């Protein structure tokens, strides 16, 4: 209080105090939450964290530039892909990715002739081990003319497909077997950071894997709406191919 009373009263009385103390204010007002969660996934989540940097692999033979898939498809859908079809987004199927990639031109032609291309356009998830043009040319040149009929080509291409699952590169476990769509199996062999997918008709000699004839995965995890593609430098060959 002042030592002496003031000469004049204040012009207006003070405001009436609040009945209850105010709640603690928020530092920043929150936005209204979304009614439903968003569909867009986080930017390239990893399934299993890695503890060391992964150097770029090197190959004995350079990978031809024309065999690289269309970057506009690879980069964009690598970020947006989730299991199964994506709702509301016009993304390419495995069939579209293959047929729009110059390095897979012969594969597209073979899938079309055999009718398998129709199964890769939508629906069920697939994993495709996609041989490059050079891989298919080497196979055609290695067999006598006229011996590879339509049924044989169909069975051979089915040996490059895994049905009902999109198998990522990191989920291809070393020294394990993968069942293909024709019921036969291929073997995942690891050497350093490289992975080979080997059929019994490729590089097996008395249970010993010969890497010279084994398909190496050149480019992994090419995503599409209905599955995933791994590019290989040699055709996968089943056991019946040797006979």
C-alpha atoms as a PDB file:
ATOM      1  CA  UNK A   1       0.000   0.000   0.000  1.00  0.00           C
ATOM      2  CA  UNK A   2       1.066   3.564  -0.563  1.00  0.00           C
ATOM      3  CA  UNK A   3       2.204   5.572   2.386  1.00  0.00           C
ATOM      4  CA  UNK A   4      -0.631   7.991   1.923  1.00  0.00           C
ATOM      5  CA  UNK A   5      -3.961   7.538   0.225  1.00  0.00           C
ATOM      6  CA  UNK A   6      -4.066   8.700  -3.345  1.00  0.00           C
ATOM      7  CA  UNK A   7      -5.799  11.953  -4.129  1.00  0.00           C
ATOM      8  CA  UNK A   8      -8.087  10.474  -6.702  1.00  0.00           C
ATOM      9  CA  UNK A   9      -9.482   6.999  -7.146  1.00  0.00           C
ATOM     10  CA  UNK A  10      -8.598   5.011 -10.203  1.00  0.00           C
ATOM     11  CA  UNK A  11     -10.682   5.752 -13.237  1.00  0.00           C
ATOM     12  CA  UNK A  12     -12.082   2.234 -13.413  1.00  0.00           C
ATOM     13  CA  UNK A  13     -12.078  -0.605 -10.944  1.00  0.00           C
ATOM     14  CA  UNK A  14      -9.985  -3.634 -11.676  1.00  0.00           C
ATOM     15  CA  UNK A  15     -11.571  -6.501 -13.510  1.00  0.00           C
ATOM     16  CA  UNK A  16     -13.156  -9.226 -11.490  1.00  0.00           C
ATOM     17  CA  UNK A  17     -10.761 -12.134 -11.011  1.00  0.00           C
ATOM     18  CA  UNK A  18     -11.594 -15.368 -12.731  1.00  0.00           C
ATOM     19  CA  UNK A  19     -13.555 -17.884 -10.750  1.00  0.00           C
ATOM     20  CA  UNK A  20     -11.185 -20.695 -11.597  1.00  0.00           C
ATOM     21  CA  UNK A  21      -7.613 -20.572 -12.752  1.00  0.00           C
ATOM     22  CA  UNK A  22      -7.139 -20.950 -16.482  1.00  0.00           C
ATOM     23  CA  UNK A  23      -5.847 -24.219 -17.901  1.00  0.00           C
ATOM     24  CA  UNK A  24      -2.236 -24.455 -18.872  1.00  0.00           C
ATOM     25  CA  UNK A  25      -1.957 -23.058 -22.378  1.00  0.00           C
ATOM     26  CA  UNK A  26      -0.469 -25.203 -25.166  1.00  0.00           C
ATOM     27  CA  UNK A  27       2.808 -24.051 -26.619  1.00  0.00           C
ATOM     28  CA  UNK A  28       1.614 -24.545 -30.168  1.00  0.00           C
ATOM     29  CA  UNK A  29      -1.982 -25.322 -31.041  1.00  0.00           C
ATOM     30  CA  UNK A  30      -2.305 -28.768 -32.592  1.00  0.00           C
ATOM     31  CA  UNK A  31      -4.005 -29.211 -35.912  1.00  0.00           C
ATOM     32  CA  UNK A  32      -7.180 -31.179 -36.170  1.00  0.00           C
ATOM     33  CA  UNK A  33      -6.188 -34.845 -36.497  1.00  0.00           C
ATOM     34  CA  UNK A  34      -7.065 -36.679 -39.698  1.00  0.00           C
ATOM     35  CA  UNK A  35     -10.132 -38.830 -39.604  1.00  0.00           C
ATOM     36  CA  UNK A  36      -8.259 -41.733 -41.124  1.00  0.00           C
ATOM     37  CA  UNK A  37      -4.548 -42.485 -41.311  1.00  0.00           C
ATOM     38  CA  UNK A  38      -2.816 -41.506 -44.540  1.00  0.00           C
ATOM     39  CA  UNK A  39      -1.920 -44.200 -47.057  1.00  0.00           C
ATOM     40  CA  UNK A  40       1.437 -42.775 -48.064  1.00  0.00           C
ATOM     41  CA  UNK A  41       4.204 -44.789 -46.375  1.00  0.00           C
ATOM     42  CA  UNK A  42       7.308 -43.323 -44.857  1.00  0.00           C
ATOM     43  CA  UNK A  43      10.208 -42.616 -47.209  1.00  0.00           C
ATOM     44  CA  UNK A  44      11.921 -45.912 -47.884  1.00  0.00           C
ATOM     45  CA  UNK A  45      11.636 -47.700 -44.521  1.00  0.00           C
ATOM     46  CA  UNK A  46      14.048 -50.566 -43.995  1.00  0.00           C
ATOM     47  CA  UNK A  47      12.816 -53.916 -42.733  1.00  0.00           C
ATOM     48  CA  UNK A  48      15.985 -54.751 -40.872  1.00  0.00           C
ATOM     49  CA  UNK A  49      18.472 -52.011 -39.908  1.00  0.00           C
ATOM     50  CA  UNK A  50      22.000 -52.401 -41.178  1.00  0.00           C
ATOM     51  CA  UNK A  51      25.022 -51.632 -39.043  1.00  0.00           C
ATOM     52  CA  UNK A  52      27.568 -51.064 -41.800  1.00  0.00           C
ATOM     53  CA  UNK A  53      27.511 -49.131 -45.071  1.00  0.00           C
ATOM     54  CA  UNK A  54      26.903 -51.271 -48.120  1.00  0.00           C
ATOM     55  CA  UNK A  55      29.404 -50.647 -50.908  1.00  0.00           C
ATOM     56  CA  UNK A  56      28.286 -50.745 -54.520  1.00  0.00           C
ATOM     57  CA  UNK A  57      28.944 -54.209 -55.982  1.00  0.00           C
ATOM     58  CA  UNK A  58      31.174 -54.670 -58.983  1.00  0.00           C
ATOM     59  CA  UNK A  59      30.685 -57.208 -61.735  1.00  0.00           C
ATOM     60  CA  UNK A  60      33.045 -58.975 -64.114  1.00  0.00           C
ATOM     61  CA  UNK A  61      31.090 -57.704 -67.112  1.00  0.00           C
ATOM     62  CA  UNK A  62      29.620 -54.186 -67.173  1.00  0.00           C
ATOM     63  CA  UNK A  63      25.843 -53.986 -67.002  1.00  0.00           C
ATOM     64  CA  UNK A  64      24.583 -52.454 -70.273  1.00  0.00           C
ATOM     65  CA  UNK A  65      22.912 -49.091 -69.789  1.00  0.00           C
ATOM     66  CA  UNK A  66      19.975 -50.061 -72.000  1.00  0.00           C
ATOM     67  CA  UNK A  67      19.149 -52.888 -69.578  1.00  0.00           C
ATOM     68  CA  UNK A  68      18.439 -50.460 -66.767  1.00  0.00           C
ATOM     69  CA  UNK A  69      14.707 -50.095 -66.080  1.00  0.00           C
ATOM     70  CA  UNK A  70      13.047 -46.767 -66.707  1.00  0.00           C
ATOM     71  CA  UNK A  71      14.146 -44.537 -63.804  1.00  0.00           C
ATOM     72  CA  UNK A  72      10.831 -42.691 -63.700  1.00  0.00           C
ATOM     73  CA  UNK A  73       9.162 -45.967 -62.788  1.00  0.00           C
ATOM     74  CA  UNK A  74      11.891 -47.336 -60.535  1.00  0.00           C
ATOM     75  CA  UNK A  75      12.472 -44.320 -58.301  1.00  0.00           C
ATOM     76  CA  UNK A  76       8.862 -43.191 -57.944  1.00  0.00           C
ATOM     77  CA  UNK A  77       7.342 -46.567 -57.193  1.00  0.00           C
ATOM     78  CA  UNK A  78      10.229 -47.618 -55.011  1.00  0.00           C
ATOM     79  CA  UNK A  79       9.019 -44.917 -52.630  1.00  0.00           C
ATOM     80  CA  UNK A  80       5.293 -45.574 -52.935  1.00  0.00           C
ATOM     81  CA  UNK A  81       5.084 -49.340 -53.184  1.00  0.00           C
ATOM     82  CA  UNK A  82       3.195 -51.321 -50.581  1.00  0.00           C
ATOM     83  CA  UNK A  83       2.130 -54.931 -50.699  1.00  0.00           C
ATOM     84  CA  UNK A  84      -0.645 -55.482 -53.216  1.00  0.00           C
ATOM     85  CA  UNK A  85      -2.408 -52.955 -55.390  1.00  0.00           C
ATOM     86  CA  UNK A  86      -2.333 -49.318 -54.325  1.00  0.00           C
ATOM     87  CA  UNK A  87      -5.697 -47.600 -54.226  1.00  0.00           C
ATOM     88  CA  UNK A  88      -6.070 -44.339 -56.067  1.00  0.00           C
ATOM     89  CA  UNK A  89      -2.618 -44.347 -57.658  1.00  0.00           C
ATOM     90  CA  UNK A  90      -2.053 -45.233 -61.299  1.00  0.00           C
ATOM     91  CA  UNK A  91       1.166 -47.239 -61.008  1.00  0.00           C
ATOM     92  CA  UNK A  92       2.557 -49.761 -63.495  1.00  0.00           C
ATOM     93  CA  UNK A  93       2.197 -53.506 -63.257  1.00  0.00           C
ATOM     94  CA  UNK A  94       5.094 -55.921 -63.697  1.00  0.00           C
ATOM     95  CA  UNK A  95       3.962 -56.399 -67.294  1.00  0.00           C
ATOM     96  CA  UNK A  96       4.169 -52.651 -67.955  1.00  0.00           C
ATOM     97  CA  UNK A  97       7.590 -52.255 -66.335  1.00  0.00           C
ATOM     98  CA  UNK A  98       9.018 -55.159 -68.347  1.00  0.00           C
ATOM     99  CA  UNK A  99       7.538 -54.081 -71.677  1.00  0.00           C
ATOM    100  CA  UNK A 100       8.567 -50.428 -71.242  1.00  0.00           C
ATOM    101  CA  UNK A 101      12.176 -51.291 -70.394  1.00  0.00           C
ATOM    102  CA  UNK A 102      14.381 -51.662 -73.524  1.00  0.00           C
ATOM    103  CA  UNK A 103      16.675 -54.155 -71.797  1.00  0.00           C
ATOM    104  CA  UNK A 104      13.714 -56.507 -71.233  1.00  0.00           C
ATOM    105  CA  UNK A 105      12.345 -56.339 -74.802  1.00  0.00           C
ATOM    106  CA  UNK A 106      12.935 -60.037 -75.543  1.00  0.00           C
ATOM    107  CA  UNK A 107      11.473 -61.030 -72.181  1.00  0.00           C
ATOM    108  CA  UNK A 108       8.346 -58.993 -72.952  1.00  0.00           C
ATOM    109  CA  UNK A 109       8.048 -60.721 -76.325  1.00  0.00           C
ATOM    110  CA  UNK A 110       8.459 -64.179 -74.784  1.00  0.00           C
ATOM    111  CA  UNK A 111       5.902 -63.490 -72.032  1.00  0.00           C
ATOM    112  CA  UNK A 112       3.448 -62.203 -74.636  1.00  0.00           C
ATOM    113  CA  UNK A 113       3.844 -65.218 -76.938  1.00  0.00           C
ATOM    114  CA  UNK A 114       3.338 -67.671 -74.070  1.00  0.00           C
ATOM    115  CA  UNK A 115       0.395 -65.727 -72.634  1.00  0.00           C
ATOM    116  CA  UNK A 116       2.053 -65.295 -69.233  1.00  0.00           C
ATOM    117  CA  UNK A 117       2.029 -61.522 -69.676  1.00  0.00           C
ATOM    118  CA  UNK A 118      -1.692 -61.523 -68.845  1.00  0.00           C
ATOM    119  CA  UNK A 119      -1.018 -62.889 -65.352  1.00  0.00           C
ATOM    120  CA  UNK A 120       1.511 -60.117 -64.678  1.00  0.00           C
ATOM    121  CA  UNK A 121      -0.810 -57.231 -65.503  1.00  0.00           C
ATOM    122  CA  UNK A 122      -2.805 -57.143 -62.259  1.00  0.00           C
ATOM    123  CA  UNK A 123      -4.032 -59.113 -59.262  1.00  0.00           C
ATOM    124  CA  UNK A 124      -1.809 -61.640 -57.538  1.00  0.00           C
ATOM    125  CA  UNK A 125       1.587 -60.550 -56.264  1.00  0.00           C
ATOM    126  CA  UNK A 126       4.576 -61.937 -58.143  1.00  0.00           C
ATOM    127  CA  UNK A 127       8.342 -62.019 -57.930  1.00  0.00           C
ATOM    128  CA  UNK A 128       9.968 -62.038 -61.361  1.00  0.00           C
ATOM    129  CA  UNK A 129      13.613 -62.898 -61.961  1.00  0.00           C
ATOM    130  CA  UNK A 130      13.914 -61.033 -65.248  1.00  0.00           C
ATOM    131  CA  UNK A 131      16.655 -62.105 -67.693  1.00  0.00           C
ATOM    132  CA  UNK A 132      18.118 -59.344 -69.835  1.00  0.00           C
ATOM    133  CA  UNK A 133      18.101 -59.370 -73.630  1.00  0.00           C
ATOM    134  CA  UNK A 134      21.658 -60.727 -73.679  1.00  0.00           C
ATOM    135  CA  UNK A 135      20.705 -63.575 -71.343  1.00  0.00           C
ATOM    136  CA  UNK A 136      17.852 -64.685 -73.608  1.00  0.00           C
ATOM    137  CA  UNK A 137      20.001 -64.373 -76.744  1.00  0.00           C
ATOM    138  CA  UNK A 138      22.696 -66.611 -75.257  1.00  0.00           C
ATOM    139  CA  UNK A 139      20.121 -69.248 -74.380  1.00  0.00           C
ATOM    140  CA  UNK A 140      18.552 -69.222 -77.858  1.00  0.00           C
ATOM    141  CA  UNK A 141      21.977 -69.499 -79.493  1.00  0.00           C
ATOM    142  CA  UNK A 142      22.958 -72.411 -77.248  1.00  0.00           C
ATOM    143  CA  UNK A 143      20.098 -74.743 -78.253  1.00  0.00           C
ATOM    144  CA  UNK A 144      19.521 -76.354 -81.665  1.00  0.00           C
ATOM    145  CA  UNK A 145      17.081 -74.460 -83.826  1.00  0.00           C
ATOM    146  CA  UNK A 146      13.480 -75.592 -83.421  1.00  0.00           C
ATOM    147  CA  UNK A 147      13.989 -77.509 -80.159  1.00  0.00           C
ATOM    148  CA  UNK A 148      12.523 -74.802 -77.898  1.00  0.00           C
ATOM    149  CA  UNK A 149       8.774 -75.058 -78.525  1.00  0.00           C
ATOM    150  CA  UNK A 150       5.953 -72.994 -77.016  1.00  0.00           C
ATOM    151  CA  UNK A 151       5.321 -75.357 -74.105  1.00  0.00           C
ATOM    152  CA  UNK A 152       9.016 -75.530 -73.286  1.00  0.00           C
ATOM    153  CA  UNK A 153       9.307 -71.736 -73.306  1.00  0.00           C
ATOM    154  CA  UNK A 154       6.215 -71.432 -71.084  1.00  0.00           C
ATOM    155  CA  UNK A 155       7.605 -73.892 -68.534  1.00  0.00           C
ATOM    156  CA  UNK A 156      10.982 -72.147 -68.614  1.00  0.00           C
ATOM    157  CA  UNK A 157       9.462 -68.712 -67.984  1.00  0.00           C
ATOM    158  CA  UNK A 158       7.316 -70.046 -65.137  1.00  0.00           C
ATOM    159  CA  UNK A 159      10.605 -71.126 -63.557  1.00  0.00           C
ATOM    160  CA  UNK A 160      11.444 -67.403 -63.329  1.00  0.00           C
ATOM    161  CA  UNK A 161       8.309 -66.535 -61.321  1.00  0.00           C
ATOM    162  CA  UNK A 162       7.353 -66.804 -57.648  1.00  0.00           C
ATOM    163  CA  UNK A 163       3.600 -66.620 -57.109  1.00  0.00           C
ATOM    164  CA  UNK A 164       1.612 -64.905 -54.315  1.00  0.00           C
ATOM    165  CA  UNK A 165       4.572 -63.106 -52.749  1.00  0.00           C
ATOM    166  CA  UNK A 166       6.909 -60.220 -53.550  1.00  0.00           C
ATOM    167  CA  UNK A 167      10.328 -61.357 -52.327  1.00  0.00           C
ATOM    168  CA  UNK A 168      12.612 -58.408 -51.597  1.00  0.00           C
ATOM    169  CA  UNK A 169      16.353 -58.714 -52.071  1.00  0.00           C
ATOM    170  CA  UNK A 170      16.951 -58.525 -48.305  1.00  0.00           C
ATOM    171  CA  UNK A 171      14.476 -61.376 -47.770  1.00  0.00           C
ATOM    172  CA  UNK A 172      16.293 -63.707 -50.138  1.00  0.00           C
ATOM    173  CA  UNK A 173      18.222 -65.537 -47.461  1.00  0.00           C
ATOM    174  CA  UNK A 174      21.585 -67.033 -48.321  1.00  0.00           C
ATOM    175  CA  UNK A 175      21.855 -70.757 -48.999  1.00  0.00           C
ATOM    176  CA  UNK A 176      18.076 -71.243 -49.026  1.00  0.00           C
ATOM    177  CA  UNK A 177      15.663 -72.643 -51.593  1.00  0.00           C
ATOM    178  CA  UNK A 178      12.779 -70.672 -53.156  1.00  0.00           C
ATOM    179  CA  UNK A 179       9.824 -72.460 -54.728  1.00  0.00           C
ATOM    180  CA  UNK A 180       8.942 -71.173 -58.182  1.00  0.00           C
ATOM    181  CA  UNK A 181       5.504 -71.046 -59.807  1.00  0.00           C
ATOM    182  CA  UNK A 182       6.081 -74.333 -61.673  1.00  0.00           C
ATOM    183  CA  UNK A 183       6.675 -76.175 -58.383  1.00  0.00           C
ATOM    184  CA  UNK A 184      10.438 -76.520 -58.851  1.00  0.00           C
ATOM    185  CA  UNK A 185      13.046 -74.736 -56.728  1.00  0.00           C
ATOM    186  CA  UNK A 186      15.910 -72.286 -57.185  1.00  0.00           C
ATOM    187  CA  UNK A 187      18.776 -71.776 -54.759  1.00  0.00           C
ATOM    188  CA  UNK A 188      19.995 -68.437 -53.378  1.00  0.00           C
ATOM    189  CA  UNK A 189      23.779 -68.419 -53.117  1.00  0.00           C
ATOM    190  CA  UNK A 190      25.665 -65.466 -51.616  1.00  0.00           C
ATOM    191  CA  UNK A 191      29.206 -64.376 -52.271  1.00  0.00           C
ATOM    192  CA  UNK A 192      30.177 -61.140 -50.584  1.00  0.00           C
ATOM    193  CA  UNK A 193      27.426 -58.651 -51.317  1.00  0.00           C
ATOM    194  CA  UNK A 194      26.381 -60.458 -54.504  1.00  0.00           C
ATOM    195  CA  UNK A 195      23.533 -62.941 -54.713  1.00  0.00           C
ATOM    196  CA  UNK A 196      23.144 -65.694 -57.271  1.00  0.00           C
ATOM    197  CA  UNK A 197      19.827 -67.378 -58.007  1.00  0.00           C
ATOM    198  CA  UNK A 198      20.642 -70.835 -59.289  1.00  0.00           C
ATOM    199  CA  UNK A 199      18.517 -73.535 -60.884  1.00  0.00           C
ATOM    200  CA  UNK A 200      19.565 -77.165 -60.869  1.00  0.00           C
ATOM    201  CA  UNK A 201      20.209 -76.841 -64.592  1.00  0.00           C
ATOM    202  CA  UNK A 202      22.536 -73.850 -64.187  1.00  0.00           C
ATOM    203  CA  UNK A 203      25.634 -74.223 -62.094  1.00  0.00           C
ATOM    204  CA  UNK A 204      25.235 -77.435 -60.109  1.00  0.00           C
ATOM    205  CA  UNK A 205      27.815 -80.132 -60.709  1.00  0.00           C
ATOM    206  CA  UNK A 206      27.585 -82.939 -58.153  1.00  0.00           C
ATOM    207  CA  UNK A 207      26.108 -80.541 -55.541  1.00  0.00           C
ATOM    208  CA  UNK A 208      28.870 -77.990 -56.201  1.00  0.00           C
ATOM    209  CA  UNK A 209      27.774 -74.563 -57.460  1.00  0.00           C
ATOM    210  CA  UNK A 210      29.739 -73.318 -60.465  1.00  0.00           C
ATOM    211  CA  UNK A 211      29.451 -69.518 -60.411  1.00  0.00           C
ATOM    212  CA  UNK A 212      30.516 -69.220 -64.045  1.00  0.00           C
ATOM    213  CA  UNK A 213      27.118 -70.506 -65.202  1.00  0.00           C
ATOM    214  CA  UNK A 214      25.044 -69.102 -62.336  1.00  0.00           C
ATOM    215  CA  UNK A 215      22.643 -66.156 -62.782  1.00  0.00           C
ATOM    216  CA  UNK A 216      23.734 -63.163 -60.723  1.00  0.00           C
ATOM    217  CA  UNK A 217      21.229 -60.545 -59.630  1.00  0.00           C
ATOM    218  CA  UNK A 218      22.266 -57.389 -61.474  1.00  0.00           C
ATOM    219  CA  UNK A 219      19.643 -55.016 -60.151  1.00  0.00           C
ATOM    220  CA  UNK A 220      17.351 -55.801 -57.260  1.00  0.00           C
ATOM    221  CA  UNK A 221      14.013 -54.537 -55.975  1.00  0.00           C
ATOM    222  CA  UNK A 222      12.440 -52.994 -59.068  1.00  0.00           C
ATOM    223  CA  UNK A 223       8.979 -52.385 -57.654  1.00  0.00           C
ATOM    224  CA  UNK A 224       5.615 -52.568 -59.401  1.00  0.00           C
ATOM    225  CA  UNK A 225       2.052 -52.428 -58.116  1.00  0.00           C
ATOM    226  CA  UNK A 226       1.620 -56.185 -58.204  1.00  0.00           C
ATOM    227  CA  UNK A 227       5.048 -57.366 -57.169  1.00  0.00           C
ATOM    228  CA  UNK A 228       8.777 -56.986 -57.572  1.00  0.00           C
ATOM    229  CA  UNK A 229      11.432 -57.617 -60.239  1.00  0.00           C
ATOM    230  CA  UNK A 230      15.065 -58.683 -59.933  1.00  0.00           C
ATOM    231  CA  UNK A 231      17.180 -58.437 -63.088  1.00  0.00           C
ATOM    232  CA  UNK A 232      19.499 -61.391 -63.800  1.00  0.00           C
ATOM    233  CA  UNK A 233      22.273 -61.857 -66.362  1.00  0.00           C
ATOM    234  CA  UNK A 234      21.553 -65.525 -67.208  1.00  0.00           C
ATOM    235  CA  UNK A 235      18.377 -67.547 -67.698  1.00  0.00           C
ATOM    236  CA  UNK A 236      17.337 -69.735 -64.773  1.00  0.00           C
ATOM    237  CA  UNK A 237      17.444 -73.368 -65.886  1.00  0.00           C
ATOM    238  CA  UNK A 238      15.468 -76.152 -64.168  1.00  0.00           C
ATOM    239  CA  UNK A 239      16.716 -79.705 -63.764  1.00  0.00           C
ATOM    240  CA  UNK A 240      14.713 -80.988 -66.745  1.00  0.00           C
ATOM    241  CA  UNK A 241      16.616 -78.619 -69.033  1.00  0.00           C
ATOM    242  CA  UNK A 242      19.681 -80.863 -68.905  1.00  0.00           C
ATOM    243  CA  UNK A 243      17.679 -83.775 -70.307  1.00  0.00           C
END
